[in-house]
Amino acid sequence: MDEFYIAKITTKGQVTVPLELRKALNVKEGDYILFEKKGSRVEIKKVLPPNDFEEFAKPIRERFQREGITPDDVEAAINWARGAQGESEK
């Protein structure tokens, strides 16, 4: 059975997850949740913390390898983002 909850977005783009959902997802302050866009819908899932950084980074590393993204590409993207951020602050 579908359940519906309403939450208001603040001026900072923040939203309070309703208590019933926090209980159902077993999330508490400091936990992370993942928002997964599926067409016009969004699924929210609790992110389980990895045991170590290598486990966390593995799917990211694999995706970069599949898509041919190099460390130089990442560095260039970071430099671009820092430059673009600096421009928007002017």
Protein backbone atom coordinates (compact mmCIF):
# COMPACT_ATOMS: atom_id res chain seq x y z
CA MET A 1 0.00 0.00 0.00
CA ASP A 2 1.34 3.45 -0.93
CA GLU A 3 1.86 5.97 1.85
CA PHE A 4 2.17 9.70 1.27
CA TYR A 5 3.96 12.33 3.32
CA ILE A 6 4.35 16.06 2.75
CA ALA A 7 7.36 18.13 3.76
CA LYS A 8 8.11 21.78 3.06
CA ILE A 9 11.40 22.90 1.48
CA THR A 10 13.12 25.78 3.28
CA THR A 11 14.74 28.77 1.59
CA LYS A 12 18.06 26.89 1.86
CA GLY A 13 16.62 23.88 0.01
CA GLN A 14 16.44 21.79 3.17
CA VAL A 15 13.62 19.43 4.00
CA THR A 16 12.69 17.61 7.20
CA VAL A 17 12.13 13.89 6.66
CA PRO A 18 8.85 13.01 8.39
CA LEU A 19 9.23 11.01 11.61
CA GLU A 20 7.38 7.99 10.19
CA LEU A 21 9.86 7.77 7.29
CA ARG A 22 12.87 8.27 9.57
CA LYS A 23 11.64 5.36 11.65
CA ALA A 24 10.94 3.19 8.59
CA LEU A 25 14.41 3.90 7.16
CA ASN A 26 16.04 3.68 10.60
CA VAL A 27 17.85 6.99 10.10
CA LYS A 28 19.00 9.40 12.75
CA GLU A 29 20.98 12.62 12.99
CA GLY A 30 24.30 12.28 11.19
CA ASP A 31 23.18 9.44 8.90
CA TYR A 32 23.23 9.88 5.13
CA ILE A 33 20.36 9.28 2.74
CA LEU A 34 20.50 8.81 -1.01
CA PHE A 35 18.05 10.49 -3.39
CA GLU A 36 17.67 8.45 -6.59
CA LYS A 37 15.77 10.13 -9.46
CA LYS A 38 13.67 7.72 -11.50
CA GLY A 39 11.86 9.67 -14.19
CA SER A 40 9.56 12.09 -12.40
CA ARG A 41 9.85 10.15 -9.12
CA VAL A 42 12.50 10.18 -6.41
CA GLU A 43 13.37 7.26 -4.14
CA ILE A 44 15.02 7.87 -0.78
CA LYS A 45 17.31 5.20 0.67
CA LYS A 46 19.50 5.02 3.75
CA VAL A 47 23.18 4.92 2.84
CA LEU A 48 25.02 2.34 4.85
CA PRO A 49 28.52 3.49 5.76
CA PRO A 50 31.26 1.43 4.14
CA ASN A 51 33.77 -0.36 6.30
CA ASP A 52 36.62 1.54 4.74
CA PHE A 53 37.41 4.05 2.02
CA GLU A 54 38.49 1.41 -0.51
CA GLU A 55 35.07 -0.27 -0.31
CA PHE A 56 33.38 3.11 -0.67
CA ALA A 57 35.51 4.19 -3.64
CA LYS A 58 35.35 0.90 -5.59
CA PRO A 59 32.11 1.60 -7.56
CA ILE A 60 33.28 5.14 -8.32
CA ARG A 61 36.66 3.88 -9.55
CA GLU A 62 34.95 1.22 -11.69
CA ARG A 63 32.62 3.78 -13.26
CA PHE A 64 35.52 6.12 -14.04
CA GLN A 65 37.39 3.23 -15.68
CA ARG A 66 34.32 2.24 -17.75
CA GLU A 67 33.81 5.80 -18.92
CA GLY A 68 37.50 6.53 -19.48
CA ILE A 69 37.70 9.30 -16.88
CA THR A 70 41.32 9.93 -15.86
CA PRO A 71 42.77 11.61 -12.77
CA ASP A 72 43.67 14.55 -15.03
CA ASP A 73 39.99 14.81 -16.07
CA VAL A 74 38.96 14.95 -12.40
CA GLU A 75 41.57 17.62 -11.63
CA ALA A 76 40.42 19.68 -14.64
CA ALA A 77 36.78 19.41 -13.50
CA ILE A 78 37.71 20.54 -9.98
CA ASN A 79 39.66 23.51 -11.35
CA TRP A 80 36.76 24.41 -13.66
CA ALA A 81 34.25 24.21 -10.78
CA ARG A 82 36.44 26.37 -8.56
CA GLY A 83 36.77 28.92 -11.34
CA ALA A 84 33.04 28.87 -12.12
CA GLN A 85 32.22 29.26 -8.41
CA GLY A 86 34.57 32.21 -8.14
CA GLU A 87 32.89 33.85 -11.15
CA SER A 88 29.39 33.44 -9.70
CA GLU A 89 30.47 35.13 -6.47
CA LYS A 90 31.48 38.34 -8.29
